[in-house]
Structures are given as structure tokens and as C-alpha cells.
Amino acid sequence: MKTLCIKVDVDTAKGMARGVPVLIDIFGRLSCKATFYIALGPDNSGKAIRRVFTRKGFLKKMLRTRAASVYGFPTILYGTILPAPLIAEKNKEIFSLLRESGQEIGIHGYDHVKWHDKLDCMTEEEIAEELEKASQTFQDCTGQAALTFAAPGWSWNEKAQSEIDKLGITYTSNTRGRYPFFPVYGDKKYKALEIPTTLPTLDEIMGESVKDISELSRYYLNLIHDQGESVLTIHAELEGMVYSEWFSSFMTMLQKEKIQVLSLGEYAAQKLNEAGNISSGKICKKIIEGRAGYVASQKG
């Protein structure tokens, strides 16, 4: 049986408030689970405009994906002209919806934009502080410690890997790649199982590899059948909002095709039961087609 694991990145206050409930309904209707990775601190989306000057291809991507209409003007002004709302604090009721629906919840950083754009300039102490704030907020909102973490924008390095291992995180999804592995930096093998995203995201392929939304489902299905075990990252702001109708029909199609849909937690449990068969691997930085800037990737 083919398997698709779905991780939901929740980057903004709008995505949390409006996109997450829609996705909960879609997954509930089909009796499947996903992993919701939530940015827990301030929504500083407006500060991302700096990427126009620092990341080649960012402006082209924003125009191609119609970011202004997708996110709306309040969101793209947060942290600049408008104050940055605290995503978790302003949406505590959404955590209750996620728990009641049986969906898995993980950490997607504290300040999403800061981590995404400045990780390589941050000291170990600054990284530890971001992770501590995220962990504490997660515990305040859920009543339990987090088991899983996904890096904002697939921004990752050795300092972050070292700090995440101290938190008792069991599995992560910080990279792009092909199959689960235990990360290695230098001579050190780290404890948390890494489950990379194997499929391109919607915003990477719309208007590029896929010219029309009518082609999108078949494009993904072909990749899922080719890979056998796939991991797809979706976004609350896209598949949970402007592309929610398409995503709902795509999920129904997966069911008809008898493709098993799992959360990353369910998938990790299967893999960790066979931990002796999981390889170790190094992480490098690569350019991904359709995405501006480098992302952490499984080497090889």
C-alpha cells in the first residue's frame, strides 16, 4: 500500500484562526490524521519583505503565488506597520479543536520569520532561547511536552540540531529529502529521527511545473505512486484557505486510490520500531526549484 504522511505548517495568525479549522474538518470527514506544526510566537510576516533583497527569486515567487491576495494586507503588514499578534495566545481555542479531533500537534518554531531568515546568524544561546519559548508556550497551550519539531522554512544547522536534542524531541521534519534518517554532523549522530519532506509544496509548483489547478491532483498522485512512502508539507494559509476546495477533493481522491494517509507521529512510530534498519545521513543546503533561497536537505 502506498503511504502519504501529511504535515501542516501553520505560519500565521490568519492560518491558525481560519485555515486550521477547515483542515480539521477535511481530515475528520475522511477519518485520517495529520501533524499540525504551529509557529507559537509573534506573527512577524511583514518582516519577510526583507527577502526581496536577500533571496534570489523571492519576489518572483510572491508574484507567481499571488501572496498579497492569499495572506491579505493585515498579515503582510504584521511586525512592521501593524503590531505582531501572538499566534498561540490569540488562538488557544484552536488547540482544543485539534486535541478533540485527535490531530497531532508539534512545534514550528517561536518567531517563524526570525528563525527562517536569521538562524545561521544566531548563537547557540539565542537558538536555545527560541526553542525554550516555543516549548513553554506549547506546554501552556496543550498541557504536555512536545514530541516533534519542524523548522520554519526548512532552515536548519548543526547548532539547532544540538539544541533540539536537549529537549527530548523524538522526531523532526526539518529537511527536504527521500527517506527517514538519523542526522549526523561531523562525527556525531543525533537522537531525533528526521522525516524529510519528499514532495514539492503547492506554492513551489503552481505556475511552474503545474500550470493549472486541474492538473495538480494527478501531478501529486503520480509522484506518490512513484515514491511509495511520501511526505507532503501543506500550509494552513493555502490548502486550508484559498486552495481548500481543491485539497478536499484531492484527499477524497487519495481515499479512492487506497493511499494510506498518516500523521508523522504514526509514521515515526512504525519506523522507530525498526530503528536498526534506519540509516544515518548528513544534511546540506540546496536550492529547491520553485523556492527562493537555500533549504536544509538530506545529503546524497
C-alpha atoms as a PDB file:
ATOM      1  CA  MET A   1       0.000   0.000   0.000  1.00  0.00           C
ATOM      2  CA  LYS A   2       1.227   3.493  -0.857  1.00  0.00           C
ATOM      3  CA  THR A   3       1.605   5.848   2.101  1.00  0.00           C
ATOM      4  CA  LEU A   4       1.328   9.627   2.322  1.00  0.00           C
ATOM      5  CA  CYS A   5       2.278  11.480   5.510  1.00  0.00           C
ATOM      6  CA  ILE A   6       0.890  14.997   5.795  1.00  0.00           C
ATOM      7  CA  LYS A   7       2.456  17.794   7.815  1.00  0.00           C
ATOM      8  CA  VAL A   8       0.604  21.095   8.097  1.00  0.00           C
ATOM      9  CA  ASP A   9       2.748  24.194   8.593  1.00  0.00           C
ATOM     10  CA  VAL A  10       0.871  26.975  10.383  1.00  0.00           C
ATOM     11  CA  ASP A  11       2.921  30.126   9.860  1.00  0.00           C
ATOM     12  CA  THR A  12       0.489  32.959  10.579  1.00  0.00           C
ATOM     13  CA  ALA A  13      -2.310  34.079  12.891  1.00  0.00           C
ATOM     14  CA  LYS A  14      -4.734  34.041   9.960  1.00  0.00           C
ATOM     15  CA  GLY A  15      -3.756  30.498   9.013  1.00  0.00           C
ATOM     16  CA  MET A  16      -4.259  29.377  12.617  1.00  0.00           C
ATOM     17  CA  ALA A  17      -7.653  31.040  13.041  1.00  0.00           C
ATOM     18  CA  ARG A  18      -9.153  30.303   9.621  1.00  0.00           C
ATOM     19  CA  GLY A  19      -7.173  27.598   7.868  1.00  0.00           C
ATOM     20  CA  VAL A  20      -6.664  25.068  10.671  1.00  0.00           C
ATOM     21  CA  PRO A  21     -10.413  24.532  11.408  1.00  0.00           C
ATOM     22  CA  VAL A  22     -11.065  23.889   7.717  1.00  0.00           C
ATOM     23  CA  LEU A  23      -8.316  21.276   7.573  1.00  0.00           C
ATOM     24  CA  ILE A  24      -9.569  19.640  10.774  1.00  0.00           C
ATOM     25  CA  ASP A  25     -12.968  19.237   9.085  1.00  0.00           C
ATOM     26  CA  ILE A  26     -11.430  17.761   5.930  1.00  0.00           C
ATOM     27  CA  PHE A  27      -9.323  15.229   7.833  1.00  0.00           C
ATOM     28  CA  GLY A  28     -12.230  14.404  10.145  1.00  0.00           C
ATOM     29  CA  ARG A  29     -14.562  13.686   7.244  1.00  0.00           C
ATOM     30  CA  LEU A  30     -12.091  11.139   5.899  1.00  0.00           C
ATOM     31  CA  SER A  31     -11.100   9.744   9.326  1.00  0.00           C
ATOM     32  CA  CYS A  32      -7.394  10.434   8.910  1.00  0.00           C
ATOM     33  CA  LYS A  33      -4.768  12.323  10.851  1.00  0.00           C
ATOM     34  CA  ALA A  34      -2.039  14.821  10.033  1.00  0.00           C
ATOM     35  CA  THR A  35       0.607  16.646  12.062  1.00  0.00           C
ATOM     36  CA  PHE A  36      -0.002  20.350  12.619  1.00  0.00           C
ATOM     37  CA  TYR A  37       3.241  22.254  13.194  1.00  0.00           C
ATOM     38  CA  ILE A  38       2.375  25.630  14.689  1.00  0.00           C
ATOM     39  CA  ALA A  39       4.521  28.766  14.909  1.00  0.00           C
ATOM     40  CA  LEU A  40       3.765  29.698  18.502  1.00  0.00           C
ATOM     41  CA  GLY A  41       5.049  33.247  18.919  1.00  0.00           C
ATOM     42  CA  PRO A  42       4.581  36.567  17.107  1.00  0.00           C
ATOM     43  CA  ASP A  43       3.298  36.708  13.534  1.00  0.00           C
ATOM     44  CA  ASN A  44       6.009  38.916  12.019  1.00  0.00           C
ATOM     45  CA  SER A  45       5.007  38.144   8.432  1.00  0.00           C
ATOM     46  CA  GLY A  46       5.527  41.760   7.343  1.00  0.00           C
ATOM     47  CA  LYS A  47       9.250  41.484   8.061  1.00  0.00           C
ATOM     48  CA  ALA A  48       9.564  38.806   5.374  1.00  0.00           C
ATOM     49  CA  ILE A  49       9.643  41.603   2.801  1.00  0.00           C
ATOM     50  CA  ARG A  50      13.394  41.789   3.530  1.00  0.00           C
ATOM     51  CA  ARG A  51      13.771  38.583   1.489  1.00  0.00           C
ATOM     52  CA  VAL A  52      13.224  40.610  -1.674  1.00  0.00           C
ATOM     53  CA  PHE A  53      16.752  41.939  -1.124  1.00  0.00           C
ATOM     54  CA  THR A  54      18.387  38.816   0.329  1.00  0.00           C
ATOM     55  CA  ARG A  55      16.873  35.835  -1.502  1.00  0.00           C
ATOM     56  CA  LYS A  56      17.077  35.489  -5.257  1.00  0.00           C
ATOM     57  CA  GLY A  57      13.715  34.590  -6.762  1.00  0.00           C
ATOM     58  CA  PHE A  58      11.649  35.634  -3.729  1.00  0.00           C
ATOM     59  CA  LEU A  59       9.829  38.486  -5.475  1.00  0.00           C
ATOM     60  CA  LYS A  60       9.077  36.290  -8.491  1.00  0.00           C
ATOM     61  CA  LYS A  61       7.646  33.611  -6.191  1.00  0.00           C
ATOM     62  CA  MET A  62       5.474  36.144  -4.351  1.00  0.00           C
ATOM     63  CA  LEU A  63       4.055  37.462  -7.615  1.00  0.00           C
ATOM     64  CA  ARG A  64       3.544  33.974  -9.081  1.00  0.00           C
ATOM     65  CA  THR A  65       1.678  32.729  -5.981  1.00  0.00           C
ATOM     66  CA  ARG A  66      -0.273  35.996  -5.513  1.00  0.00           C
ATOM     67  CA  ALA A  67       0.900  36.221  -1.904  1.00  0.00           C
ATOM     68  CA  ALA A  68      -0.784  39.565  -1.187  1.00  0.00           C
ATOM     69  CA  SER A  69      -4.229  38.182  -2.036  1.00  0.00           C
ATOM     70  CA  VAL A  70      -3.536  34.862  -0.303  1.00  0.00           C
ATOM     71  CA  TYR A  71      -2.381  36.293   3.022  1.00  0.00           C
ATOM     72  CA  GLY A  72      -4.263  39.609   2.987  1.00  0.00           C
ATOM     73  CA  PHE A  73      -2.937  43.050   3.832  1.00  0.00           C
ATOM     74  CA  PRO A  74      -3.102  42.825   7.644  1.00  0.00           C
ATOM     75  CA  THR A  75      -0.845  39.743   7.593  1.00  0.00           C
ATOM     76  CA  ILE A  76       1.743  41.223   5.246  1.00  0.00           C
ATOM     77  CA  LEU A  77       1.967  44.296   7.487  1.00  0.00           C
ATOM     78  CA  TYR A  78       2.337  42.421  10.811  1.00  0.00           C
ATOM     79  CA  GLY A  79       5.548  43.246  12.601  1.00  0.00           C
ATOM     80  CA  THR A  80       6.081  46.450  10.611  1.00  0.00           C
ATOM     81  CA  ILE A  81       3.206  48.939  10.345  1.00  0.00           C
ATOM     82  CA  LEU A  82       0.888  46.700  12.375  1.00  0.00           C
ATOM     83  CA  PRO A  83       1.828  45.023  15.692  1.00  0.00           C
ATOM     84  CA  ALA A  84       2.589  41.313  15.506  1.00  0.00           C
ATOM     85  CA  PRO A  85      -0.192  39.197  17.078  1.00  0.00           C
ATOM     86  CA  LEU A  86       0.861  36.220  19.208  1.00  0.00           C
ATOM     87  CA  ILE A  87      -0.320  33.213  17.208  1.00  0.00           C
ATOM     88  CA  ALA A  88      -0.785  30.719  20.052  1.00  0.00           C
ATOM     89  CA  GLU A  89      -2.042  33.153  22.669  1.00  0.00           C
ATOM     90  CA  LYS A  90      -4.689  34.604  20.343  1.00  0.00           C
ATOM     91  CA  ASN A  91      -5.943  31.186  19.221  1.00  0.00           C
ATOM     92  CA  LYS A  92      -5.976  28.921  22.263  1.00  0.00           C
ATOM     93  CA  GLU A  93      -9.374  27.537  21.286  1.00  0.00           C
ATOM     94  CA  ILE A  94      -7.835  26.079  18.127  1.00  0.00           C
ATOM     95  CA  PHE A  95      -5.581  23.857  20.250  1.00  0.00           C
ATOM     96  CA  SER A  96      -8.740  22.444  21.846  1.00  0.00           C
ATOM     97  CA  LEU A  97     -10.193  21.722  18.393  1.00  0.00           C
ATOM     98  CA  LEU A  98      -7.008  19.923  17.379  1.00  0.00           C
ATOM     99  CA  ARG A  99      -6.933  17.812  20.550  1.00  0.00           C
ATOM    100  CA  GLU A 100     -10.632  16.922  20.326  1.00  0.00           C
ATOM    101  CA  SER A 101     -10.233  15.856  16.691  1.00  0.00           C
ATOM    102  CA  GLY A 102      -7.263  13.613  17.509  1.00  0.00           C
ATOM    103  CA  GLN A 103      -4.861  15.522  15.273  1.00  0.00           C
ATOM    104  CA  GLU A 104      -1.184  15.643  16.201  1.00  0.00           C
ATOM    105  CA  ILE A 105       0.394  18.965  17.228  1.00  0.00           C
ATOM    106  CA  GLY A 106       4.063  19.916  17.006  1.00  0.00           C
ATOM    107  CA  ILE A 107       6.290  22.982  17.226  1.00  0.00           C
ATOM    108  CA  HIS A 108       7.053  25.108  14.162  1.00  0.00           C
ATOM    109  CA  GLY A 109       9.344  27.489  15.989  1.00  0.00           C
ATOM    110  CA  TYR A 110       8.503  30.552  18.038  1.00  0.00           C
ATOM    111  CA  ASP A 111       9.150  33.578  15.805  1.00  0.00           C
ATOM    112  CA  HIS A 112       8.787  31.978  12.358  1.00  0.00           C
ATOM    113  CA  VAL A 113      10.317  34.833  10.351  1.00  0.00           C
ATOM    114  CA  LYS A 114      13.263  35.283  12.720  1.00  0.00           C
ATOM    115  CA  TRP A 115      14.171  31.570  12.580  1.00  0.00           C
ATOM    116  CA  HIS A 116      13.633  31.333   8.832  1.00  0.00           C
ATOM    117  CA  ASP A 117      15.752  34.357   7.983  1.00  0.00           C
ATOM    118  CA  LYS A 118      18.361  34.597  10.731  1.00  0.00           C
ATOM    119  CA  LEU A 119      19.104  31.104  12.036  1.00  0.00           C
ATOM    120  CA  ASP A 120      22.654  30.989  10.674  1.00  0.00           C
ATOM    121  CA  CYS A 121      23.450  34.293  12.420  1.00  0.00           C
ATOM    122  CA  MET A 122      22.043  33.169  15.770  1.00  0.00           C
ATOM    123  CA  THR A 123      24.230  31.887  18.604  1.00  0.00           C
ATOM    124  CA  GLU A 124      23.537  28.612  20.393  1.00  0.00           C
ATOM    125  CA  GLU A 125      22.178  30.643  23.300  1.00  0.00           C
ATOM    126  CA  GLU A 126      19.756  32.536  21.030  1.00  0.00           C
ATOM    127  CA  ILE A 127      18.586  29.302  19.411  1.00  0.00           C
ATOM    128  CA  ALA A 128      18.100  27.718  22.832  1.00  0.00           C
ATOM    129  CA  GLU A 129      16.057  30.746  23.924  1.00  0.00           C
ATOM    130  CA  GLU A 130      13.769  30.491  20.878  1.00  0.00           C
ATOM    131  CA  LEU A 131      13.262  26.789  21.494  1.00  0.00           C
ATOM    132  CA  GLU A 132      12.602  27.315  25.201  1.00  0.00           C
ATOM    133  CA  LYS A 133       9.957  29.958  24.491  1.00  0.00           C
ATOM    134  CA  ALA A 134       8.314  27.694  21.929  1.00  0.00           C
ATOM    135  CA  SER A 135       8.414  24.671  24.247  1.00  0.00           C
ATOM    136  CA  GLN A 136       6.944  26.584  27.174  1.00  0.00           C
ATOM    137  CA  THR A 137       4.178  28.096  25.040  1.00  0.00           C
ATOM    138  CA  PHE A 138       3.391  24.660  23.601  1.00  0.00           C
ATOM    139  CA  GLN A 139       3.089  23.195  27.092  1.00  0.00           C
ATOM    140  CA  ASP A 140       0.903  26.087  28.250  1.00  0.00           C
ATOM    141  CA  CYS A 141      -1.457  25.571  25.309  1.00  0.00           C
ATOM    142  CA  THR A 142      -1.586  21.774  25.252  1.00  0.00           C
ATOM    143  CA  GLY A 143      -0.740  20.676  28.781  1.00  0.00           C
ATOM    144  CA  GLN A 144       2.042  18.416  27.561  1.00  0.00           C
ATOM    145  CA  ALA A 145       5.585  18.489  26.247  1.00  0.00           C
ATOM    146  CA  ALA A 146       6.140  18.451  22.502  1.00  0.00           C
ATOM    147  CA  LEU A 147       7.410  15.301  20.820  1.00  0.00           C
ATOM    148  CA  THR A 148       8.088  16.756  17.396  1.00  0.00           C
ATOM    149  CA  PHE A 149       9.515  19.867  15.722  1.00  0.00           C
ATOM    150  CA  ALA A 150       9.596  21.201  12.154  1.00  0.00           C
ATOM    151  CA  ALA A 151      11.945  24.044  11.248  1.00  0.00           C
ATOM    152  CA  PRO A 152      10.420  27.193   9.726  1.00  0.00           C
ATOM    153  CA  GLY A 153      11.339  27.392   6.044  1.00  0.00           C
ATOM    154  CA  TRP A 154      13.491  24.237   6.332  1.00  0.00           C
ATOM    155  CA  SER A 155      16.154  26.461   7.918  1.00  0.00           C
ATOM    156  CA  TRP A 156      18.429  24.162   9.892  1.00  0.00           C
ATOM    157  CA  ASN A 157      22.032  23.770  11.013  1.00  0.00           C
ATOM    158  CA  GLU A 158      24.249  21.917  13.483  1.00  0.00           C
ATOM    159  CA  LYS A 159      23.651  24.384  16.317  1.00  0.00           C
ATOM    160  CA  ALA A 160      19.896  23.895  16.040  1.00  0.00           C
ATOM    161  CA  GLN A 161      20.319  20.114  15.855  1.00  0.00           C
ATOM    162  CA  SER A 162      22.360  20.115  19.050  1.00  0.00           C
ATOM    163  CA  GLU A 163      19.801  22.223  20.921  1.00  0.00           C
ATOM    164  CA  ILE A 164      16.774  20.232  19.731  1.00  0.00           C
ATOM    165  CA  ASP A 165      18.301  17.005  21.037  1.00  0.00           C
ATOM    166  CA  LYS A 166      18.396  18.529  24.531  1.00  0.00           C
ATOM    167  CA  LEU A 167      14.594  18.968  24.521  1.00  0.00           C
ATOM    168  CA  GLY A 168      13.738  15.278  24.256  1.00  0.00           C
ATOM    169  CA  ILE A 169      12.158  15.676  20.821  1.00  0.00           C
ATOM    170  CA  THR A 170      11.557  12.203  19.337  1.00  0.00           C
ATOM    171  CA  TYR A 171      11.274  13.043  15.634  1.00  0.00           C
ATOM    172  CA  THR A 172      11.636  16.104  13.434  1.00  0.00           C
ATOM    173  CA  SER A 173      10.850  17.274   9.909  1.00  0.00           C
ATOM    174  CA  ASN A 174      13.485  19.908   9.158  1.00  0.00           C
ATOM    175  CA  THR A 175      14.741  18.918   5.721  1.00  0.00           C
ATOM    176  CA  ARG A 176      13.886  18.022   2.166  1.00  0.00           C
ATOM    177  CA  GLY A 177      14.882  14.536   1.119  1.00  0.00           C
ATOM    178  CA  ARG A 178      13.895  10.983   0.270  1.00  0.00           C
ATOM    179  CA  TYR A 179      13.527   8.800   3.382  1.00  0.00           C
ATOM    180  CA  PRO A 180      13.812   8.932   7.221  1.00  0.00           C
ATOM    181  CA  PHE A 181      17.292   9.053   8.756  1.00  0.00           C
ATOM    182  CA  PHE A 182      19.230   9.925  11.893  1.00  0.00           C
ATOM    183  CA  PRO A 183      21.128  13.198  11.321  1.00  0.00           C
ATOM    184  CA  VAL A 184      24.911  13.265  11.516  1.00  0.00           C
ATOM    185  CA  TYR A 185      27.063  16.380  11.861  1.00  0.00           C
ATOM    186  CA  GLY A 186      30.790  15.712  11.912  1.00  0.00           C
ATOM    187  CA  ASP A 187      31.286  12.507  13.865  1.00  0.00           C
ATOM    188  CA  LYS A 188      28.151  12.889  15.997  1.00  0.00           C
ATOM    189  CA  LYS A 189      24.908  11.024  15.327  1.00  0.00           C
ATOM    190  CA  TYR A 190      21.849  12.712  16.814  1.00  0.00           C
ATOM    191  CA  LYS A 191      18.902  11.032  18.533  1.00  0.00           C
ATOM    192  CA  ALA A 192      15.824  12.551  16.897  1.00  0.00           C
ATOM    193  CA  LEU A 193      14.572  10.732  13.800  1.00  0.00           C
ATOM    194  CA  GLU A 194      14.437  13.104  10.814  1.00  0.00           C
ATOM    195  CA  ILE A 195      11.472  12.664   8.446  1.00  0.00           C
ATOM    196  CA  PRO A 196      12.137  14.862   5.403  1.00  0.00           C
ATOM    197  CA  THR A 197       9.514  16.330   3.116  1.00  0.00           C
ATOM    198  CA  THR A 198       9.759  14.302  -0.099  1.00  0.00           C
ATOM    199  CA  LEU A 199       7.183  16.071  -2.288  1.00  0.00           C
ATOM    200  CA  PRO A 200       7.218  19.641  -3.620  1.00  0.00           C
ATOM    201  CA  THR A 201       4.862  22.083  -1.949  1.00  0.00           C
ATOM    202  CA  LEU A 202       1.909  23.652  -3.728  1.00  0.00           C
ATOM    203  CA  ASP A 203       3.487  27.108  -3.822  1.00  0.00           C
ATOM    204  CA  GLU A 204       6.632  25.671  -5.437  1.00  0.00           C
ATOM    205  CA  ILE A 205       4.839  24.050  -8.369  1.00  0.00           C
ATOM    206  CA  MET A 206       1.763  26.189  -9.123  1.00  0.00           C
ATOM    207  CA  GLY A 207       2.557  28.295 -12.160  1.00  0.00           C
ATOM    208  CA  GLU A 208       5.784  26.330 -12.719  1.00  0.00           C
ATOM    209  CA  SER A 209       5.591  22.522 -13.007  1.00  0.00           C
ATOM    210  CA  VAL A 210       1.787  22.751 -12.863  1.00  0.00           C
ATOM    211  CA  LYS A 211       0.127  25.454 -14.937  1.00  0.00           C
ATOM    212  CA  ASP A 212      -3.464  24.922 -13.827  1.00  0.00           C
ATOM    213  CA  ILE A 213      -5.097  23.629 -10.653  1.00  0.00           C
ATOM    214  CA  SER A 214      -6.902  20.962 -12.681  1.00  0.00           C
ATOM    215  CA  GLU A 215      -3.509  19.278 -13.202  1.00  0.00           C
ATOM    216  CA  LEU A 216      -2.463  19.381  -9.553  1.00  0.00           C
ATOM    217  CA  SER A 217      -4.038  16.190  -8.179  1.00  0.00           C
ATOM    218  CA  ARG A 218      -2.741  13.966 -10.964  1.00  0.00           C
ATOM    219  CA  TYR A 219       0.720  15.526 -10.629  1.00  0.00           C
ATOM    220  CA  TYR A 220       0.856  14.623  -6.927  1.00  0.00           C
ATOM    221  CA  LEU A 221      -0.654  11.173  -7.416  1.00  0.00           C
ATOM    222  CA  ASN A 222       1.998  10.267  -9.962  1.00  0.00           C
ATOM    223  CA  LEU A 223       4.747  11.279  -7.512  1.00  0.00           C
ATOM    224  CA  ILE A 224       3.124   9.385  -4.613  1.00  0.00           C
ATOM    225  CA  HIS A 225       2.852   6.204  -6.671  1.00  0.00           C
ATOM    226  CA  ASP A 226       6.486   6.575  -7.763  1.00  0.00           C
ATOM    227  CA  GLN A 227       7.813   7.144  -4.226  1.00  0.00           C
ATOM    228  CA  GLY A 228       5.775   4.580  -2.314  1.00  0.00           C
ATOM    229  CA  GLU A 229       6.206   6.408   1.006  1.00  0.00           C
ATOM    230  CA  SER A 230       5.841  10.171   0.665  1.00  0.00           C
ATOM    231  CA  VAL A 231       5.756  13.201   2.947  1.00  0.00           C
ATOM    232  CA  LEU A 232       3.814  16.283   1.862  1.00  0.00           C
ATOM    233  CA  THR A 233       4.023  19.672   3.555  1.00  0.00           C
ATOM    234  CA  ILE A 234       0.870  21.743   3.180  1.00  0.00           C
ATOM    235  CA  HIS A 235       0.131  25.185   4.617  1.00  0.00           C
ATOM    236  CA  ALA A 236      -2.884  26.298   6.626  1.00  0.00           C
ATOM    237  CA  GLU A 237      -2.832  29.538   4.629  1.00  0.00           C
ATOM    238  CA  LEU A 238      -3.031  27.714   1.261  1.00  0.00           C
ATOM    239  CA  GLU A 239      -4.638  24.269   1.417  1.00  0.00           C
ATOM    240  CA  GLY A 240      -6.696  25.385   4.409  1.00  0.00           C
ATOM    241  CA  MET A 241      -7.943  28.587   2.779  1.00  0.00           C
ATOM    242  CA  VAL A 242      -7.648  29.608  -0.888  1.00  0.00           C
ATOM    243  CA  TYR A 243      -6.980  26.030  -2.095  1.00  0.00           C
ATOM    244  CA  SER A 244      -9.227  24.247   0.423  1.00  0.00           C
ATOM    245  CA  GLU A 245     -11.769  23.103  -2.177  1.00  0.00           C
ATOM    246  CA  TRP A 246      -9.024  21.515  -4.253  1.00  0.00           C
ATOM    247  CA  PHE A 247      -7.396  19.939  -1.202  1.00  0.00           C
ATOM    248  CA  SER A 248     -10.678  18.413  -0.050  1.00  0.00           C
ATOM    249  CA  SER A 249     -11.206  16.788  -3.459  1.00  0.00           C
ATOM    250  CA  PHE A 250      -7.568  15.627  -3.502  1.00  0.00           C
ATOM    251  CA  MET A 251      -7.984  13.927  -0.122  1.00  0.00           C
ATOM    252  CA  THR A 252     -11.103  12.152  -1.391  1.00  0.00           C
ATOM    253  CA  MET A 253      -9.123  11.020  -4.434  1.00  0.00           C
ATOM    254  CA  LEU A 254      -6.407   9.597  -2.184  1.00  0.00           C
ATOM    255  CA  GLN A 255      -9.021   7.533  -0.379  1.00  0.00           C
ATOM    256  CA  LYS A 256     -10.410   6.201  -3.665  1.00  0.00           C
ATOM    257  CA  GLU A 257      -6.880   5.314  -4.758  1.00  0.00           C
ATOM    258  CA  LYS A 258      -6.435   3.411  -1.456  1.00  0.00           C
ATOM    259  CA  ILE A 259      -3.453   5.526  -0.436  1.00  0.00           C
ATOM    260  CA  GLN A 260      -2.874   5.370   3.311  1.00  0.00           C
ATOM    261  CA  VAL A 261      -2.721   8.810   4.962  1.00  0.00           C
ATOM    262  CA  LEU A 262      -0.760   9.077   8.216  1.00  0.00           C
ATOM    263  CA  SER A 263       0.417  11.729  10.634  1.00  0.00           C
ATOM    264  CA  LEU A 264       4.163  11.996  11.078  1.00  0.00           C
ATOM    265  CA  GLY A 265       3.729  10.562  14.563  1.00  0.00           C
ATOM    266  CA  GLU A 266       2.068   7.425  13.208  1.00  0.00           C
ATOM    267  CA  TYR A 267       4.765   7.085  10.553  1.00  0.00           C
ATOM    268  CA  ALA A 268       7.590   7.712  13.041  1.00  0.00           C
ATOM    269  CA  ALA A 269       6.236   5.008  15.359  1.00  0.00           C
ATOM    270  CA  GLN A 270       6.367   2.499  12.518  1.00  0.00           C
ATOM    271  CA  LYS A 271       9.912   3.454  11.604  1.00  0.00           C
ATOM    272  CA  LEU A 272      11.241   3.589  15.163  1.00  0.00           C
ATOM    273  CA  ASN A 273      10.003   0.031  15.715  1.00  0.00           C
ATOM    274  CA  GLU A 274      12.570  -0.896  13.083  1.00  0.00           C
ATOM    275  CA  ALA A 275      15.229   1.566  14.236  1.00  0.00           C
ATOM    276  CA  GLY A 276      18.028  -0.852  13.390  1.00  0.00           C
ATOM    277  CA  ASN A 277      17.134  -0.501   9.710  1.00  0.00           C
ATOM    278  CA  ILE A 278      17.243   3.303   9.674  1.00  0.00           C
ATOM    279  CA  SER A 279      20.372   4.771   8.142  1.00  0.00           C
ATOM    280  CA  SER A 280      22.296   7.822   9.297  1.00  0.00           C
ATOM    281  CA  GLY A 281      22.763  10.776   6.997  1.00  0.00           C
ATOM    282  CA  LYS A 282      24.300  14.189   6.650  1.00  0.00           C
ATOM    283  CA  ILE A 283      22.446  17.432   5.995  1.00  0.00           C
ATOM    284  CA  CYS A 284      23.466  20.033   3.452  1.00  0.00           C
ATOM    285  CA  LYS A 285      21.929  23.149   1.923  1.00  0.00           C
ATOM    286  CA  LYS A 286      20.365  23.082  -1.524  1.00  0.00           C
ATOM    287  CA  ILE A 287      18.307  25.199  -3.877  1.00  0.00           C
ATOM    288  CA  ILE A 288      14.829  23.715  -4.430  1.00  0.00           C
ATOM    289  CA  GLU A 289      13.104  24.530  -7.708  1.00  0.00           C
ATOM    290  CA  GLY A 290      10.271  26.983  -7.119  1.00  0.00           C
ATOM    291  CA  ARG A 291      11.573  28.137  -3.716  1.00  0.00           C
ATOM    292  CA  ALA A 292      13.707  31.186  -3.028  1.00  0.00           C
ATOM    293  CA  GLY A 293      16.957  30.600  -1.172  1.00  0.00           C
ATOM    294  CA  TYR A 294      18.631  27.524   0.279  1.00  0.00           C
ATOM    295  CA  VAL A 295      16.873  24.861   2.330  1.00  0.00           C
ATOM    296  CA  ALA A 296      18.280  22.098   4.541  1.00  0.00           C
ATOM    297  CA  SER A 297      18.363  18.857   2.570  1.00  0.00           C
ATOM    298  CA  GLN A 298      19.279  15.229   3.034  1.00  0.00           C
ATOM    299  CA  LYS A 299      22.733  14.811   1.513  1.00  0.00           C
ATOM    300  CA  GLY A 300      23.331  12.379  -1.311  1.00  0.00           C
END
